[in-house]
PDB file of all heavy atoms in Angstrom:
ATOM      1  N   SER A   1     -75.690 166.877 -66.168  1.00  0.00           N
ATOM      2  CA  SER A   1     -76.334 165.814 -65.406  1.00  0.00           C
ATOM      3  C   SER A   1     -76.824 164.736 -66.363  1.00  0.00           C
ATOM      4  O   SER A   1     -77.435 165.043 -67.389  1.00  0.00           O
ATOM      5  CB  SER A   1     -77.516 166.379 -64.607  1.00  0.00           C
ATOM      6  OG  SER A   1     -78.246 165.339 -63.991  1.00  0.00           O
ATOM      7  N   VAL A   2     -76.545 163.464 -66.035  1.00  0.00           N
ATOM      8  CA  VAL A   2     -76.933 162.373 -66.936  1.00  0.00           C
ATOM      9  C   VAL A   2     -77.785 161.312 -66.246  1.00  0.00           C
ATOM     10  O   VAL A   2     -78.064 160.261 -66.836  1.00  0.00           O
ATOM     11  CB  VAL A   2     -75.683 161.716 -67.573  1.00  0.00           C
ATOM     12  CG1 VAL A   2     -74.949 162.705 -68.455  1.00  0.00           C
ATOM     13  CG2 VAL A   2     -74.744 161.151 -66.508  1.00  0.00           C
ATOM     14  N   CYS A   3     -78.193 161.552 -64.986  1.00  0.00           N
ATOM     15  CA  CYS A   3     -79.030 160.596 -64.250  1.00  0.00           C
ATOM     16  C   CYS A   3     -80.486 161.045 -64.246  1.00  0.00           C
ATOM     17  O   CYS A   3     -80.814 162.183 -64.593  1.00  0.00           O
ATOM     18  CB  CYS A   3     -78.546 160.463 -62.810  1.00  0.00           C
ATOM     19  SG  CYS A   3     -76.987 159.612 -62.643  1.00  0.00           S
ATOM     20  N   ASP A   4     -81.347 160.149 -63.782  1.00  0.00           N
ATOM     21  CA  ASP A   4     -82.756 160.514 -63.614  1.00  0.00           C
ATOM     22  C   ASP A   4     -82.929 161.516 -62.477  1.00  0.00           C
ATOM     23  O   ASP A   4     -83.844 162.331 -62.486  1.00  0.00           O
ATOM     24  CB  ASP A   4     -83.600 159.263 -63.337  1.00  0.00           C
ATOM     25  CG  ASP A   4     -83.704 158.357 -64.553  1.00  0.00           C
ATOM     26  OD1 ASP A   4     -83.548 158.869 -65.685  1.00  0.00           O
ATOM     27  OD2 ASP A   4     -83.932 157.146 -64.373  1.00  0.00           O
ATOM     28  N   GLU A   5     -82.030 161.443 -61.463  1.00  0.00           N
ATOM     29  CA  GLU A   5     -82.083 162.395 -60.361  1.00  0.00           C
ATOM     30  C   GLU A   5     -81.167 163.586 -60.642  1.00  0.00           C
ATOM     31  O   GLU A   5     -80.301 163.529 -61.525  1.00  0.00           O
ATOM     32  CB  GLU A   5     -81.667 161.718 -59.048  1.00  0.00           C
ATOM     33  CG  GLU A   5     -80.230 161.232 -59.027  1.00  0.00           C
ATOM     34  CD  GLU A   5     -79.837 160.664 -57.679  1.00  0.00           C
ATOM     35  OE1 GLU A   5     -80.113 161.300 -56.656  1.00  0.00           O
ATOM     36  OE2 GLU A   5     -79.239 159.570 -57.664  1.00  0.00           O
ATOM     37  N   ASP A   6     -81.353 164.659 -59.876  1.00  0.00           N
ATOM     38  CA  ASP A   6     -80.522 165.852 -60.038  1.00  0.00           C
ATOM     39  C   ASP A   6     -79.079 165.544 -59.657  1.00  0.00           C
ATOM     40  O   ASP A   6     -78.810 164.721 -58.774  1.00  0.00           O
ATOM     41  CB  ASP A   6     -81.025 166.991 -59.151  1.00  0.00           C
ATOM     42  CG  ASP A   6     -82.408 167.476 -59.544  1.00  0.00           C
ATOM     43  OD1 ASP A   6     -82.891 167.078 -60.623  1.00  0.00           O
ATOM     44  OD2 ASP A   6     -83.003 168.241 -58.764  1.00  0.00           O
ATOM     45  N   LEU A   7     -78.154 166.222 -60.317  1.00  0.00           N
ATOM     46  CA  LEU A   7     -76.748 166.202 -59.925  1.00  0.00           C
ATOM     47  C   LEU A   7     -76.533 167.332 -58.928  1.00  0.00           C
ATOM     48  O   LEU A   7     -76.856 168.489 -59.216  1.00  0.00           O
ATOM     49  CB  LEU A   7     -75.852 166.397 -61.151  1.00  0.00           C
ATOM     50  CG  LEU A   7     -74.343 166.516 -60.909  1.00  0.00           C
ATOM     51  CD1 LEU A   7     -73.784 165.236 -60.296  1.00  0.00           C
ATOM     52  CD2 LEU A   7     -73.623 166.847 -62.215  1.00  0.00           C
ATOM     53  N   PHE A   8     -76.002 167.010 -57.738  1.00  0.00           N
ATOM     54  CA  PHE A   8     -75.856 168.015 -56.679  1.00  0.00           C
ATOM     55  C   PHE A   8     -74.402 168.024 -56.198  1.00  0.00           C
ATOM     56  O   PHE A   8     -73.857 166.977 -55.818  1.00  0.00           O
ATOM     57  CB  PHE A   8     -76.803 167.708 -55.517  1.00  0.00           C
ATOM     58  CG  PHE A   8     -76.887 168.800 -54.486  1.00  0.00           C
ATOM     59  CD1 PHE A   8     -77.350 170.063 -54.827  1.00  0.00           C
ATOM     60  CD2 PHE A   8     -76.505 168.568 -53.179  1.00  0.00           C
ATOM     61  CE1 PHE A   8     -77.430 171.071 -53.877  1.00  0.00           C
ATOM     62  CE2 PHE A   8     -76.574 169.572 -52.223  1.00  0.00           C
ATOM     63  CZ  PHE A   8     -77.046 170.822 -52.578  1.00  0.00           C
ATOM     64  N   LEU A   9     -73.774 169.194 -56.241  1.00  0.00           N
ATOM     65  CA  LEU A   9     -72.373 169.335 -55.852  1.00  0.00           C
ATOM     66  C   LEU A   9     -72.208 170.498 -54.889  1.00  0.00           C
ATOM     67  O   LEU A   9     -73.010 171.441 -54.893  1.00  0.00           O
ATOM     68  CB  LEU A   9     -71.479 169.618 -57.071  1.00  0.00           C
ATOM     69  CG  LEU A   9     -71.525 168.677 -58.265  1.00  0.00           C
ATOM     70  CD1 LEU A   9     -72.446 169.245 -59.332  1.00  0.00           C
ATOM     71  CD2 LEU A   9     -70.124 168.499 -58.847  1.00  0.00           C
ATOM     72  N   ILE A  10     -71.147 170.435 -54.078  1.00  0.00           N
ATOM     73  CA  ILE A  10     -70.705 171.605 -53.345  1.00  0.00           C
ATOM     74  C   ILE A  10     -69.387 172.040 -53.969  1.00  0.00           C
ATOM     75  O   ILE A  10     -68.521 171.205 -54.260  1.00  0.00           O
ATOM     76  CB  ILE A  10     -70.560 171.346 -51.833  1.00  0.00           C
ATOM     77  CG1 ILE A  10     -70.190 172.644 -51.110  1.00  0.00           C
ATOM     78  CG2 ILE A  10     -69.576 170.239 -51.524  1.00  0.00           C
ATOM     79  CD1 ILE A  10     -70.395 172.588 -49.605  1.00  0.00           C
ATOM     80  N   LEU A  11     -69.253 173.337 -54.232  1.00  0.00           N
ATOM     81  CA  LEU A  11     -68.116 173.886 -54.961  1.00  0.00           C
ATOM     82  C   LEU A  11     -67.373 174.891 -54.102  1.00  0.00           C
ATOM     83  O   LEU A  11     -67.993 175.658 -53.348  1.00  0.00           O
ATOM     84  CB  LEU A  11     -68.586 174.570 -56.250  1.00  0.00           C
ATOM     85  CG  LEU A  11     -69.413 173.728 -57.214  1.00  0.00           C
ATOM     86  CD1 LEU A  11     -69.923 174.595 -58.363  1.00  0.00           C
ATOM     87  CD2 LEU A  11     -68.604 172.562 -57.749  1.00  0.00           C
ATOM     88  N   ALA A  12     -66.056 174.917 -54.226  1.00  0.00           N
ATOM     89  CA  ALA A  12     -65.229 175.891 -53.520  1.00  0.00           C
ATOM     90  C   ALA A  12     -64.344 176.601 -54.532  1.00  0.00           C
ATOM     91  O   ALA A  12     -63.761 175.967 -55.422  1.00  0.00           O
ATOM     92  CB  ALA A  12     -64.374 175.206 -52.454  1.00  0.00           C
ATOM     93  N   TYR A  13     -64.248 177.934 -54.392  1.00  0.00           N
ATOM     94  CA  TYR A  13     -63.445 178.762 -55.287  1.00  0.00           C
ATOM     95  C   TYR A  13     -62.394 179.502 -54.466  1.00  0.00           C
ATOM     96  O   TYR A  13     -62.718 180.084 -53.430  1.00  0.00           O
ATOM     97  CB  TYR A  13     -64.322 179.782 -56.013  1.00  0.00           C
ATOM     98  CG  TYR A  13     -65.460 179.169 -56.799  1.00  0.00           C
ATOM     99  CD1 TYR A  13     -66.673 178.862 -56.181  1.00  0.00           C
ATOM    100  CD2 TYR A  13     -65.336 178.909 -58.154  1.00  0.00           C
ATOM    101  CE1 TYR A  13     -67.728 178.304 -56.895  1.00  0.00           C
ATOM    102  CE2 TYR A  13     -66.382 178.349 -58.881  1.00  0.00           C
ATOM    103  CZ  TYR A  13     -67.573 178.055 -58.239  1.00  0.00           C
ATOM    104  OH  TYR A  13     -68.604 177.503 -58.949  1.00  0.00           O
ATOM    105  N   SER A  14     -61.156 179.504 -54.941  1.00  0.00           N
ATOM    106  CA  SER A  14     -60.059 180.072 -54.162  1.00  0.00           C
ATOM    107  C   SER A  14     -59.966 181.583 -54.351  1.00  0.00           C
ATOM    108  O   SER A  14     -59.001 182.099 -54.910  1.00  0.00           O
ATOM    109  CB  SER A  14     -58.735 179.412 -54.560  1.00  0.00           C
ATOM    110  OG  SER A  14     -58.485 179.629 -55.946  1.00  0.00           O
ATOM    111  N   THR A  15     -60.980 182.285 -53.892  1.00  0.00           N
ATOM    112  CA  THR A  15     -60.959 183.743 -53.936  1.00  0.00           C
ATOM    113  C   THR A  15     -61.858 184.311 -52.862  1.00  0.00           C
ATOM    114  O   THR A  15     -62.915 183.753 -52.564  1.00  0.00           O
ATOM    115  CB  THR A  15     -61.401 184.281 -55.311  1.00  0.00           C
ATOM    116  OG1 THR A  15     -61.370 185.706 -55.290  1.00  0.00           O
ATOM    117  CG2 THR A  15     -62.811 183.822 -55.670  1.00  0.00           C
ATOM    118  N   GLY A  16     -61.428 185.430 -52.274  1.00  0.00           N
ATOM    119  CA  GLY A  16     -62.280 186.181 -51.373  1.00  0.00           C
ATOM    120  C   GLY A  16     -62.865 187.393 -52.074  1.00  0.00           C
ATOM    121  O   GLY A  16     -63.561 188.199 -51.467  1.00  0.00           O
ATOM    122  N   ASN A  17     -62.549 187.521 -53.370  1.00  0.00           N
ATOM    123  CA  ASN A  17     -63.075 188.625 -54.158  1.00  0.00           C
ATOM    124  C   ASN A  17     -64.357 188.193 -54.855  1.00  0.00           C
ATOM    125  O   ASN A  17     -64.754 187.026 -54.765  1.00  0.00           O
ATOM    126  CB  ASN A  17     -62.035 189.074 -55.191  1.00  0.00           C
ATOM    127  CG  ASN A  17     -62.162 190.548 -55.531  1.00  0.00           C
ATOM    128  OD1 ASN A  17     -63.244 191.116 -55.474  1.00  0.00           O
ATOM    129  ND2 ASN A  17     -61.038 191.166 -55.868  1.00  0.00           N
ATOM    130  N   GLN A  18     -64.994 189.116 -55.551  1.00  0.00           N
ATOM    131  CA  GLN A  18     -66.185 188.744 -56.302  1.00  0.00           C
ATOM    132  C   GLN A  18     -65.762 187.847 -57.457  1.00  0.00           C
ATOM    133  O   GLN A  18     -64.876 188.208 -58.238  1.00  0.00           O
ATOM    134  CB  GLN A  18     -66.909 189.987 -56.815  1.00  0.00           C
ATOM    135  CG  GLN A  18     -68.225 189.660 -57.537  1.00  0.00           C
ATOM    136  CD  GLN A  18     -69.134 190.860 -57.648  1.00  0.00           C
ATOM    137  OE1 GLN A  18     -69.531 191.444 -56.648  1.00  0.00           O
ATOM    138  NE2 GLN A  18     -69.450 191.248 -58.862  1.00  0.00           N
ATOM    139  N   LEU A  19     -66.378 186.679 -57.566  1.00  0.00           N
ATOM    140  CA  LEU A  19     -65.993 185.696 -58.573  1.00  0.00           C
ATOM    141  C   LEU A  19     -66.280 186.243 -59.968  1.00  0.00           C
ATOM    142  O   LEU A  19     -67.370 186.750 -60.239  1.00  0.00           O
ATOM    143  CB  LEU A  19     -66.764 184.399 -58.350  1.00  0.00           C
ATOM    144  CG  LEU A  19     -66.335 183.203 -59.190  1.00  0.00           C
ATOM    145  CD1 LEU A  19     -64.920 182.774 -58.831  1.00  0.00           C
ATOM    146  CD2 LEU A  19     -67.302 182.045 -58.981  1.00  0.00           C
ATOM    147  N   GLU A  20     -65.276 186.138 -60.850  1.00  0.00           N
ATOM    148  CA  GLU A  20     -65.416 186.628 -62.219  1.00  0.00           C
ATOM    149  C   GLU A  20     -65.489 185.433 -63.156  1.00  0.00           C
ATOM    150  O   GLU A  20     -64.554 184.630 -63.234  1.00  0.00           O
ATOM    151  CB  GLU A  20     -64.233 187.523 -62.589  1.00  0.00           C
ATOM    152  CG  GLU A  20     -64.135 188.785 -61.735  1.00  0.00           C
ATOM    153  CD  GLU A  20     -62.918 189.623 -62.076  1.00  0.00           C
ATOM    154  OE1 GLU A  20     -62.186 189.236 -63.013  1.00  0.00           O
ATOM    155  OE2 GLU A  20     -62.696 190.640 -61.402  1.00  0.00           O
ATOM    156  N   THR A  21     -66.622 185.323 -63.860  1.00  0.00           N
ATOM    157  CA  THR A  21     -66.903 184.164 -64.708  1.00  0.00           C
ATOM    158  C   THR A  21     -67.296 184.625 -66.099  1.00  0.00           C
ATOM    159  O   THR A  21     -68.019 185.612 -66.252  1.00  0.00           O
ATOM    160  CB  THR A  21     -68.046 183.326 -64.106  1.00  0.00           C
ATOM    161  OG1 THR A  21     -67.671 182.899 -62.786  1.00  0.00           O
ATOM    162  CG2 THR A  21     -68.348 182.105 -64.960  1.00  0.00           C
ATOM    163  N   LEU A  22     -66.815 183.926 -67.121  1.00  0.00           N
ATOM    164  CA  LEU A  22     -67.230 184.199 -68.495  1.00  0.00           C
ATOM    165  C   LEU A  22     -67.760 182.910 -69.110  1.00  0.00           C
ATOM    166  O   LEU A  22     -67.063 181.897 -69.146  1.00  0.00           O
ATOM    167  CB  LEU A  22     -66.061 184.729 -69.328  1.00  0.00           C
ATOM    168  CG  LEU A  22     -66.399 185.131 -70.768  1.00  0.00           C
ATOM    169  CD1 LEU A  22     -67.446 186.248 -70.800  1.00  0.00           C
ATOM    170  CD2 LEU A  22     -65.142 185.560 -71.520  1.00  0.00           C
ATOM    171  N   ARG A  23     -69.017 182.953 -69.583  1.00  0.00           N
ATOM    172  CA  ARG A  23     -69.673 181.786 -70.163  1.00  0.00           C
ATOM    173  C   ARG A  23     -69.620 181.836 -71.682  1.00  0.00           C
ATOM    174  O   ARG A  23     -69.572 182.912 -72.280  1.00  0.00           O
ATOM    175  CB  ARG A  23     -71.120 181.705 -69.669  1.00  0.00           C
ATOM    176  CG  ARG A  23     -71.199 181.411 -68.184  1.00  0.00           C
ATOM    177  CD  ARG A  23     -72.616 181.444 -67.646  1.00  0.00           C
ATOM    178  NE  ARG A  23     -72.639 180.959 -66.268  1.00  0.00           N
ATOM    179  CZ  ARG A  23     -72.301 181.701 -65.213  1.00  0.00           C
ATOM    180  NH1 ARG A  23     -71.939 182.972 -65.386  1.00  0.00           N
ATOM    181  NH2 ARG A  23     -72.314 181.193 -63.994  1.00  0.00           N
ATOM    182  N   MET A  24     -69.645 180.646 -72.299  1.00  0.00           N
ATOM    183  CA  MET A  24     -69.563 180.554 -73.748  1.00  0.00           C
ATOM    184  C   MET A  24     -70.636 181.409 -74.426  1.00  0.00           C
ATOM    185  O   MET A  24     -70.355 182.112 -75.405  1.00  0.00           O
ATOM    186  CB  MET A  24     -69.690 179.087 -74.195  1.00  0.00           C
ATOM    187  CG  MET A  24     -69.694 178.914 -75.705  1.00  0.00           C
ATOM    188  SD  MET A  24     -69.735 177.176 -76.223  1.00  0.00           S
ATOM    189  CE  MET A  24     -68.003 176.754 -76.045  1.00  0.00           C
ATOM    190  N   LYS A  25     -71.856 181.365 -73.900  1.00  0.00           N
ATOM    191  CA  LYS A  25     -72.944 182.154 -74.481  1.00  0.00           C
ATOM    192  C   LYS A  25     -72.582 183.633 -74.519  1.00  0.00           C
ATOM    193  O   LYS A  25     -72.842 184.331 -75.503  1.00  0.00           O
ATOM    194  CB  LYS A  25     -74.213 181.944 -73.643  1.00  0.00           C
ATOM    195  CG  LYS A  25     -75.409 182.777 -74.101  1.00  0.00           C
ATOM    196  CD  LYS A  25     -76.633 182.527 -73.216  1.00  0.00           C
ATOM    197  CE  LYS A  25     -76.385 183.026 -71.801  1.00  0.00           C
ATOM    198  NZ  LYS A  25     -77.606 182.872 -70.947  1.00  0.00           N
ATOM    199  N   ASP A  26     -71.944 184.108 -73.439  1.00  0.00           N
ATOM    200  CA  ASP A  26     -71.631 185.537 -73.343  1.00  0.00           C
ATOM    201  C   ASP A  26     -70.485 185.934 -74.257  1.00  0.00           C
ATOM    202  O   ASP A  26     -70.503 187.006 -74.865  1.00  0.00           O
ATOM    203  CB  ASP A  26     -71.306 185.895 -71.893  1.00  0.00           C
ATOM    204  CG  ASP A  26     -72.496 185.691 -70.973  1.00  0.00           C
ATOM    205  OD1 ASP A  26     -73.635 185.926 -71.424  1.00  0.00           O
ATOM    206  OD2 ASP A  26     -72.296 185.286 -69.814  1.00  0.00           O
ATOM    207  N   TYR A  27     -69.418 185.077 -74.355  1.00  0.00           N
ATOM    208  CA  TYR A  27     -68.325 185.516 -75.220  1.00  0.00           C
ATOM    209  C   TYR A  27     -68.635 185.330 -76.699  1.00  0.00           C
ATOM    210  O   TYR A  27     -68.080 186.025 -77.543  1.00  0.00           O
ATOM    211  CB  TYR A  27     -66.969 184.934 -74.811  1.00  0.00           C
ATOM    212  CG  TYR A  27     -66.733 183.454 -74.896  1.00  0.00           C
ATOM    213  CD1 TYR A  27     -66.605 182.803 -76.115  1.00  0.00           C
ATOM    214  CD2 TYR A  27     -66.550 182.715 -73.729  1.00  0.00           C
ATOM    215  CE1 TYR A  27     -66.339 181.450 -76.172  1.00  0.00           C
ATOM    216  CE2 TYR A  27     -66.270 181.355 -73.788  1.00  0.00           C
ATOM    217  CZ  TYR A  27     -66.164 180.724 -75.010  1.00  0.00           C
ATOM    218  OH  TYR A  27     -65.885 179.374 -75.066  1.00  0.00           O
ATOM    219  N   PHE A  28     -69.574 184.427 -77.051  1.00  0.00           N
ATOM    220  CA  PHE A  28     -70.031 184.371 -78.440  1.00  0.00           C
ATOM    221  C   PHE A  28     -70.849 185.613 -78.780  1.00  0.00           C
ATOM    222  O   PHE A  28     -70.658 186.229 -79.819  1.00  0.00           O
ATOM    223  CB  PHE A  28     -70.858 183.103 -78.682  1.00  0.00           C
ATOM    224  CG  PHE A  28     -70.104 182.030 -79.420  1.00  0.00           C
ATOM    225  CD1 PHE A  28     -69.075 181.334 -78.792  1.00  0.00           C
ATOM    226  CD2 PHE A  28     -70.416 181.722 -80.732  1.00  0.00           C
ATOM    227  CE1 PHE A  28     -68.376 180.344 -79.461  1.00  0.00           C
ATOM    228  CE2 PHE A  28     -69.716 180.735 -81.418  1.00  0.00           C
ATOM    229  CZ  PHE A  28     -68.688 180.039 -80.780  1.00  0.00           C
ATOM    230  N   ARG A  29     -71.758 185.977 -77.879  1.00  0.00           N
ATOM    231  CA  ARG A  29     -72.583 187.157 -78.122  1.00  0.00           C
ATOM    232  C   ARG A  29     -71.755 188.440 -78.111  1.00  0.00           C
ATOM    233  O   ARG A  29     -72.085 189.415 -78.766  1.00  0.00           O
ATOM    234  CB  ARG A  29     -73.682 187.250 -77.068  1.00  0.00           C
ATOM    235  CG  ARG A  29     -74.787 186.221 -77.238  1.00  0.00           C
ATOM    236  CD  ARG A  29     -75.835 186.348 -76.146  1.00  0.00           C
ATOM    237  NE  ARG A  29     -76.966 185.449 -76.374  1.00  0.00           N
ATOM    238  CZ  ARG A  29     -77.967 185.291 -75.517  1.00  0.00           C
ATOM    239  NH1 ARG A  29     -77.977 185.960 -74.384  1.00  0.00           N
ATOM    240  NH2 ARG A  29     -78.955 184.468 -75.799  1.00  0.00           N
ATOM    241  N   GLY A  30     -70.666 188.429 -77.328  1.00  0.00           N
ATOM    242  CA  GLY A  30     -69.841 189.622 -77.196  1.00  0.00           C
ATOM    243  C   GLY A  30     -68.796 189.781 -78.286  1.00  0.00           C
ATOM    244  O   GLY A  30     -68.092 190.796 -78.336  1.00  0.00           O
ATOM    245  N   THR A  31     -68.676 188.784 -79.175  1.00  0.00           N
ATOM    246  CA  THR A  31     -67.707 188.846 -80.265  1.00  0.00           C
ATOM    247  C   THR A  31     -68.420 189.267 -81.543  1.00  0.00           C
ATOM    248  O   THR A  31     -69.477 188.735 -81.881  1.00  0.00           O
ATOM    249  CB  THR A  31     -67.031 187.478 -80.474  1.00  0.00           C
ATOM    250  OG1 THR A  31     -66.415 187.069 -79.244  1.00  0.00           O
ATOM    251  CG2 THR A  31     -65.970 187.542 -81.564  1.00  0.00           C
ATOM    252  N   ALA A  32     -67.850 190.228 -82.267  1.00  0.00           N
ATOM    253  CA  ALA A  32     -68.487 190.751 -83.482  1.00  0.00           C
ATOM    254  C   ALA A  32     -68.727 189.636 -84.499  1.00  0.00           C
ATOM    255  O   ALA A  32     -67.892 188.745 -84.666  1.00  0.00           O
ATOM    256  CB  ALA A  32     -67.606 191.837 -84.091  1.00  0.00           C
ATOM    257  N   ASP A  33     -69.872 189.731 -85.194  1.00  0.00           N
ATOM    258  CA  ASP A  33     -70.235 188.707 -86.171  1.00  0.00           C
ATOM    259  C   ASP A  33     -69.175 188.530 -87.244  1.00  0.00           C
ATOM    260  O   ASP A  33     -68.906 187.410 -87.694  1.00  0.00           O
ATOM    261  CB  ASP A  33     -71.575 189.069 -86.829  1.00  0.00           C
ATOM    262  CG  ASP A  33     -72.744 188.919 -85.874  1.00  0.00           C
ATOM    263  OD1 ASP A  33     -72.543 188.308 -84.808  1.00  0.00           O
ATOM    264  OD2 ASP A  33     -73.841 189.393 -86.190  1.00  0.00           O
ATOM    265  N   HIS A  34     -68.542 189.641 -87.703  1.00  0.00           N
ATOM    266  CA  HIS A  34     -67.570 189.518 -88.798  1.00  0.00           C
ATOM    267  C   HIS A  34     -66.293 188.815 -88.324  1.00  0.00           C
ATOM    268  O   HIS A  34     -65.610 188.162 -89.110  1.00  0.00           O
ATOM    269  CB  HIS A  34     -67.246 190.896 -89.401  1.00  0.00           C
ATOM    270  CG  HIS A  34     -66.469 191.801 -88.505  1.00  0.00           C
ATOM    271  ND1 HIS A  34     -67.065 192.591 -87.540  1.00  0.00           N
ATOM    272  CD2 HIS A  34     -65.135 192.039 -88.417  1.00  0.00           C
ATOM    273  CE1 HIS A  34     -66.139 193.280 -86.902  1.00  0.00           C
ATOM    274  NE2 HIS A  34     -64.955 192.971 -87.417  1.00  0.00           N
ATOM    275  N   ILE A  35     -66.010 188.906 -87.015  1.00  0.00           N
ATOM    276  CA  ILE A  35     -64.868 188.178 -86.467  1.00  0.00           C
ATOM    277  C   ILE A  35     -65.180 186.681 -86.425  1.00  0.00           C
ATOM    278  O   ILE A  35     -64.357 185.838 -86.803  1.00  0.00           O
ATOM    279  CB  ILE A  35     -64.510 188.691 -85.066  1.00  0.00           C
ATOM    280  CG1 ILE A  35     -64.145 190.172 -85.100  1.00  0.00           C
ATOM    281  CG2 ILE A  35     -63.403 187.848 -84.447  1.00  0.00           C
ATOM    282  CD1 ILE A  35     -62.891 190.473 -85.897  1.00  0.00           C
ATOM    283  N   LEU A  36     -66.380 186.336 -85.969  1.00  0.00           N
ATOM    284  CA  LEU A  36     -66.787 184.930 -85.926  1.00  0.00           C
ATOM    285  C   LEU A  36     -66.821 184.328 -87.336  1.00  0.00           C
ATOM    286  O   LEU A  36     -66.445 183.159 -87.519  1.00  0.00           O
ATOM    287  CB  LEU A  36     -68.160 184.804 -85.256  1.00  0.00           C
ATOM    288  CG  LEU A  36     -68.222 185.171 -83.769  1.00  0.00           C
ATOM    289  CD1 LEU A  36     -69.672 185.181 -83.280  1.00  0.00           C
ATOM    290  CD2 LEU A  36     -67.386 184.211 -82.938  1.00  0.00           C
ATOM    291  N   ALA A  37     -67.255 185.113 -88.325  1.00  0.00           N
ATOM    292  CA  ALA A  37     -67.305 184.628 -89.704  1.00  0.00           C
ATOM    293  C   ALA A  37     -65.911 184.234 -90.188  1.00  0.00           C
ATOM    294  O   ALA A  37     -65.734 183.205 -90.857  1.00  0.00           O
ATOM    295  CB  ALA A  37     -67.901 185.694 -90.617  1.00  0.00           C
ATOM    296  N   GLN A  38     -64.901 185.041 -89.813  1.00  0.00           N
ATOM    297  CA  GLN A  38     -63.529 184.736 -90.217  1.00  0.00           C
ATOM    298  C   GLN A  38     -63.001 183.489 -89.503  1.00  0.00           C
ATOM    299  O   GLN A  38     -62.305 182.664 -90.092  1.00  0.00           O
ATOM    300  CB  GLN A  38     -62.614 185.914 -89.902  1.00  0.00           C
ATOM    301  CG  GLN A  38     -62.927 187.175 -90.704  1.00  0.00           C
ATOM    302  CD  GLN A  38     -62.062 188.337 -90.257  1.00  0.00           C
ATOM    303  OE1 GLN A  38     -60.841 188.269 -90.350  1.00  0.00           O
ATOM    304  NE2 GLN A  38     -62.692 189.392 -89.761  1.00  0.00           N
ATOM    305  N   LEU A  39     -63.342 183.357 -88.203  1.00  0.00           N
ATOM    306  CA  LEU A  39     -62.836 182.238 -87.409  1.00  0.00           C
ATOM    307  C   LEU A  39     -63.402 180.898 -87.859  1.00  0.00           C
ATOM    308  O   LEU A  39     -62.698 179.886 -87.879  1.00  0.00           O
ATOM    309  CB  LEU A  39     -63.162 182.452 -85.930  1.00  0.00           C
ATOM    310  CG  LEU A  39     -62.415 183.571 -85.207  1.00  0.00           C
ATOM    311  CD1 LEU A  39     -62.969 183.758 -83.802  1.00  0.00           C
ATOM    312  CD2 LEU A  39     -60.916 183.257 -85.144  1.00  0.00           C
ATOM    313  N   PHE A  40     -64.703 180.893 -88.241  1.00  0.00           N
ATOM    314  CA  PHE A  40     -65.398 179.635 -88.508  1.00  0.00           C
ATOM    315  C   PHE A  40     -65.699 179.401 -89.995  1.00  0.00           C
ATOM    316  O   PHE A  40     -66.326 178.406 -90.345  1.00  0.00           O
ATOM    317  CB  PHE A  40     -66.695 179.570 -87.694  1.00  0.00           C
ATOM    318  CG  PHE A  40     -66.481 179.524 -86.198  1.00  0.00           C
ATOM    319  CD1 PHE A  40     -66.632 180.660 -85.417  1.00  0.00           C
ATOM    320  CD2 PHE A  40     -66.093 178.345 -85.584  1.00  0.00           C
ATOM    321  CE1 PHE A  40     -66.431 180.621 -84.042  1.00  0.00           C
ATOM    322  CE2 PHE A  40     -65.885 178.290 -84.215  1.00  0.00           C
ATOM    323  CZ  PHE A  40     -66.042 179.435 -83.447  1.00  0.00           C
TER     324      PHE A  40
END
C-alpha cells in the first residue's frame, strides 16, 4: 500500500481445496543456514 488510506481488494482463487501458500519469510526460515550461505 502506498496511499494515505488503506489498500482494499477482493481476491479470488481458483481452488475449492484448502489454499496452499508459501511466504518468503517461511521459506527463508525453513532453509538451512549453510545452504543460504552457499547461495548468497
